[in-house]
Amino acid sequence: MALRVSDLPLDFASALLEVTTVLEDTQITYFCNILWCIWKARNQEIFSSKKATRQRILKQAQMMEMHIQQTTESSQTTIRSRVNIAAPLSGTQIVLLDASWDTNRKAGWGAVYYNHRGNINRVQYGFMGAEDPFHAESMALLNVLQNCQSHGLVQRGGTMHIFSDCKTMVRAIQCNELGDLPSWRATETIAQCIQILQQWGELCYCGISQGTR
């Protein structure tokens, strides 16, 4: 029988955050990258029957850490070139986002939030109903954006980059073109996401390749 979140003796997110009390900053970042890659490997095994080896999961985590570091450095350089301020910026925050869906219209999603120092400061996950995979991805993004709004996670003077591997949705949001989306349910939800992104210039929705995850 598959293990359910409700079967765990402690709140799963709280248990994960306890790790931050015994690991150094760089270890915490790498630990969260491994968790994220385990999540991705599980989805691939369920939906694509592709089982990832332990070595492959660790390699993906290392690649993701390098990608995050390069993106953070590049983003800070771009911001400094466009904004004329004397004080140093607080930095760039990063969210890794993903959703899964099955034919019974059940979906799950998860998000890992990194602060501008590269340390995890929040883990978020949930279960929901969705009409199709694109609807699941759009609902996951909407949850993250609303979470950023309600908890004030975007720091003034900094940016938050939200990464997703759903290239179709990334392209639709970045180009503000919803006519070619294969899901009308997703179209409605993505329109809400675009409104939030337009209101908050500090939020940036980006694509990430599956090979980097």
Protein backbone atom coordinates (compact mmCIF):
# COMPACT_ATOMS: atom_id res chain seq x y z
CA MET A 1 0.00 0.00 0.00
CA ALA A 2 1.31 3.44 -0.90
CA LEU A 3 2.38 5.70 1.96
CA ARG A 4 0.16 8.73 2.45
CA VAL A 5 1.10 12.02 4.07
CA SER A 6 -1.56 11.38 6.71
CA ASP A 7 0.28 8.17 7.69
CA LEU A 8 3.33 10.13 8.86
CA PRO A 9 3.55 10.63 12.65
CA LEU A 10 4.69 14.26 12.34
CA ASP A 11 3.90 17.10 9.98
CA PHE A 12 6.12 16.37 7.00
CA ALA A 13 7.15 19.96 6.26
CA SER A 14 8.00 20.64 9.90
CA ALA A 15 10.07 17.48 10.08
CA LEU A 16 12.06 18.55 7.03
CA LEU A 17 12.67 22.01 8.41
CA GLU A 18 14.16 20.47 11.57
CA VAL A 19 17.12 19.49 9.39
CA THR A 20 18.12 23.17 9.22
CA THR A 21 19.13 23.06 12.89
CA VAL A 22 21.93 20.53 12.35
CA LEU A 23 23.26 21.34 8.87
CA GLU A 24 25.40 24.18 7.63
CA ASP A 25 24.06 26.59 5.02
CA THR A 26 25.67 24.85 2.03
CA GLN A 27 24.57 21.44 3.33
CA ILE A 28 20.96 22.62 3.67
CA THR A 29 20.90 23.81 0.07
CA TYR A 30 22.27 20.52 -1.21
CA PHE A 31 19.88 18.53 0.99
CA CYS A 32 16.87 20.38 -0.45
CA ASN A 33 18.13 19.85 -3.98
CA ILE A 34 18.31 16.10 -3.31
CA LEU A 35 14.75 16.07 -1.97
CA TRP A 36 13.55 17.88 -5.04
CA CYS A 37 15.28 15.40 -7.36
CA ILE A 38 13.81 12.48 -5.42
CA TRP A 39 10.35 13.99 -5.98
CA LYS A 40 11.05 14.30 -9.71
CA ALA A 41 12.39 10.75 -9.89
CA ARG A 42 9.26 9.45 -8.20
CA ASN A 43 7.03 11.20 -10.72
CA GLN A 44 9.04 9.79 -13.62
CA GLU A 45 8.80 6.29 -12.18
CA ILE A 46 5.02 6.53 -11.70
CA PHE A 47 4.07 8.20 -14.97
CA SER A 48 6.88 7.11 -17.30
CA SER A 49 8.06 3.83 -15.72
CA LYS A 50 11.61 5.24 -15.62
CA LYS A 51 13.45 4.38 -12.43
CA ALA A 52 16.34 6.69 -11.55
CA THR A 53 19.44 5.37 -9.81
CA ARG A 54 20.79 6.92 -6.65
CA GLN A 55 23.84 8.18 -8.56
CA ARG A 56 21.62 9.91 -11.14
CA ILE A 57 19.57 11.64 -8.43
CA LEU A 58 22.73 12.96 -6.77
CA LYS A 59 24.11 14.14 -10.12
CA GLN A 60 20.87 15.99 -10.90
CA ALA A 61 21.01 17.67 -7.49
CA GLN A 62 24.56 18.85 -8.17
CA MET A 63 23.58 20.19 -11.60
CA MET A 64 20.60 22.02 -10.11
CA GLU A 65 22.78 23.63 -7.44
CA MET A 66 25.15 24.94 -10.12
CA HIS A 67 22.22 26.25 -12.18
CA ILE A 68 20.72 28.08 -9.19
CA GLN A 69 24.06 29.68 -8.33
CA GLN A 70 24.59 30.84 -11.92
CA THR A 71 21.03 32.20 -12.16
CA THR A 72 21.35 34.09 -8.88
CA GLU A 73 24.64 35.71 -9.89
CA SER A 74 23.26 36.61 -13.33
CA SER A 75 20.05 38.07 -11.89
CA GLN A 76 21.91 40.24 -9.38
CA THR A 77 24.16 41.57 -12.14
CA THR A 78 21.16 42.41 -14.34
CA ILE A 79 19.32 44.18 -11.55
CA ARG A 80 22.35 46.28 -10.59
CA SER A 81 22.79 47.34 -14.22
CA ARG A 82 19.16 48.55 -14.45
CA VAL A 83 18.66 50.10 -11.02
CA ASN A 84 20.72 53.06 -9.91
CA ILE A 85 21.03 52.62 -6.16
CA ALA A 86 23.92 53.06 -3.79
CA ALA A 87 22.96 50.37 -1.26
CA PRO A 88 23.57 46.71 -2.12
CA LEU A 89 20.52 44.65 -3.03
CA SER A 90 19.20 41.98 -0.72
CA GLY A 91 19.53 39.39 -3.47
CA THR A 92 17.41 37.00 -5.44
CA GLN A 93 15.07 34.43 -3.94
CA ILE A 94 14.25 31.22 -5.81
CA VAL A 95 11.28 28.87 -5.84
CA LEU A 96 11.37 25.41 -7.45
CA LEU A 97 7.85 24.37 -8.43
CA ASP A 98 6.37 21.18 -9.83
CA ALA A 99 3.01 19.41 -10.14
CA SER A 100 1.87 15.89 -10.99
CA TRP A 101 -1.45 14.58 -12.31
CA ASP A 102 -3.13 11.24 -12.97
CA THR A 103 -6.07 10.13 -15.07
CA ASN A 104 -8.38 10.14 -12.04
CA ARG A 105 -8.09 13.94 -12.06
CA LYS A 106 -6.08 13.92 -8.86
CA ALA A 107 -3.04 16.16 -8.64
CA GLY A 108 -0.26 16.95 -6.24
CA TRP A 109 2.21 19.80 -6.18
CA GLY A 110 5.24 20.94 -4.25
CA ALA A 111 7.41 24.02 -3.93
CA VAL A 112 10.76 24.66 -2.26
CA TYR A 113 11.61 28.28 -1.38
CA TYR A 114 15.22 29.45 -1.14
CA ASN A 115 16.19 32.81 0.35
CA HIS A 116 18.77 35.16 -1.17
CA ARG A 117 21.57 33.30 0.64
CA GLY A 118 20.59 30.00 -0.98
CA ASN A 119 19.08 28.53 2.18
CA ILE A 120 15.65 26.93 2.32
CA ASN A 121 13.13 28.98 4.26
CA ARG A 122 9.86 27.30 3.31
CA VAL A 123 8.51 24.01 1.95
CA GLN A 124 4.97 23.94 0.58
CA TYR A 125 2.95 21.08 -0.88
CA GLY A 126 -0.65 20.07 -1.39
CA PHE A 127 -3.20 17.89 -3.13
CA MET A 128 -6.04 19.06 -5.35
CA GLY A 129 -8.35 18.17 -8.20
CA ALA A 130 -7.32 19.10 -11.73
CA GLU A 131 -8.79 18.46 -15.18
CA ASP A 132 -5.47 17.83 -16.92
CA PRO A 133 -1.67 18.19 -16.44
CA PHE A 134 -1.63 21.83 -17.59
CA HIS A 135 -4.43 22.68 -15.17
CA ALA A 136 -2.40 21.06 -12.37
CA GLU A 137 0.70 23.09 -13.27
CA SER A 138 -1.29 26.34 -13.40
CA MET A 139 -2.98 25.64 -10.06
CA ALA A 140 0.41 24.97 -8.49
CA LEU A 141 1.74 28.31 -9.77
CA LEU A 142 -1.33 30.16 -8.55
CA ASN A 143 -0.88 28.66 -5.07
CA VAL A 144 2.75 29.82 -4.97
CA LEU A 145 1.92 33.35 -6.17
CA GLN A 146 -0.87 33.71 -3.64
CA ASN A 147 1.46 32.40 -0.94
CA CYS A 148 4.06 35.02 -1.89
CA GLN A 149 1.39 37.72 -1.63
CA SER A 150 -0.16 36.65 1.65
CA HIS A 151 3.12 36.01 3.49
CA GLY A 152 5.11 38.92 2.09
CA LEU A 153 7.88 36.66 0.86
CA VAL A 154 9.12 39.10 -1.75
CA GLN A 155 11.65 41.40 -0.14
CA ARG A 156 11.73 45.02 -1.13
CA GLY A 157 14.65 45.68 -3.46
CA GLY A 158 15.00 42.02 -4.41
CA THR A 159 13.38 39.59 -6.80
CA MET A 160 11.87 36.13 -6.58
CA HIS A 161 12.36 33.74 -9.50
CA ILE A 162 9.84 30.91 -9.74
CA PHE A 163 11.15 28.00 -11.83
CA SER A 164 8.98 25.46 -13.66
CA ASP A 165 9.68 22.81 -16.31
CA CYS A 166 6.29 23.32 -18.01
CA LYS A 167 7.64 25.08 -21.10
CA THR A 168 4.21 25.62 -22.65
CA MET A 169 2.96 27.50 -19.62
CA VAL A 170 6.19 29.47 -19.24
CA ARG A 171 5.97 30.60 -22.86
CA ALA A 172 2.28 31.54 -22.52
CA ILE A 173 2.91 33.66 -19.42
CA GLN A 174 6.08 35.35 -20.65
CA CYS A 175 4.46 36.24 -24.00
CA ASN A 176 0.99 36.83 -22.50
CA GLU A 177 -0.53 34.60 -25.18
CA LEU A 178 -3.17 32.18 -23.95
CA GLY A 179 -4.94 31.31 -27.19
CA ASP A 180 -2.84 28.24 -28.03
CA LEU A 181 -2.99 26.54 -24.63
CA PRO A 182 -4.35 22.96 -24.84
CA SER A 183 -6.47 23.38 -21.69
CA TRP A 184 -9.27 25.89 -21.15
CA ARG A 185 -9.20 25.20 -17.41
CA ALA A 186 -5.52 26.09 -17.34
CA THR A 187 -6.21 29.21 -19.42
CA GLU A 188 -8.53 30.61 -16.74
CA THR A 189 -6.01 29.95 -13.97
CA ILE A 190 -3.02 31.26 -15.94
CA ALA A 191 -4.91 34.50 -16.59
CA GLN A 192 -5.11 34.97 -12.80
CA CYS A 193 -1.39 34.22 -12.50
CA ILE A 194 -0.54 36.84 -15.14
CA GLN A 195 -2.54 39.46 -13.24
CA ILE A 196 -0.55 38.78 -10.06
CA LEU A 197 2.77 38.80 -11.91
CA GLN A 198 1.90 42.15 -13.51
CA GLN A 199 1.04 43.60 -10.11
CA TRP A 200 4.29 42.42 -8.53
CA GLY A 201 7.29 43.35 -10.62
CA GLU A 202 9.53 41.54 -8.14
CA LEU A 203 8.06 38.17 -9.17
CA CYS A 204 9.56 36.46 -12.22
CA TYR A 205 8.32 33.20 -13.75
CA CYS A 206 11.09 31.25 -15.50
CA GLY A 207 11.61 27.96 -17.29
CA ILE A 208 14.05 25.27 -16.25
CA SER A 209 15.02 22.27 -18.36
CA GLN A 210 14.28 18.74 -17.20
CA GLY A 211 17.96 17.87 -17.49
CA THR A 212 18.80 20.51 -14.87
CA ARG A 213 16.22 19.44 -12.32
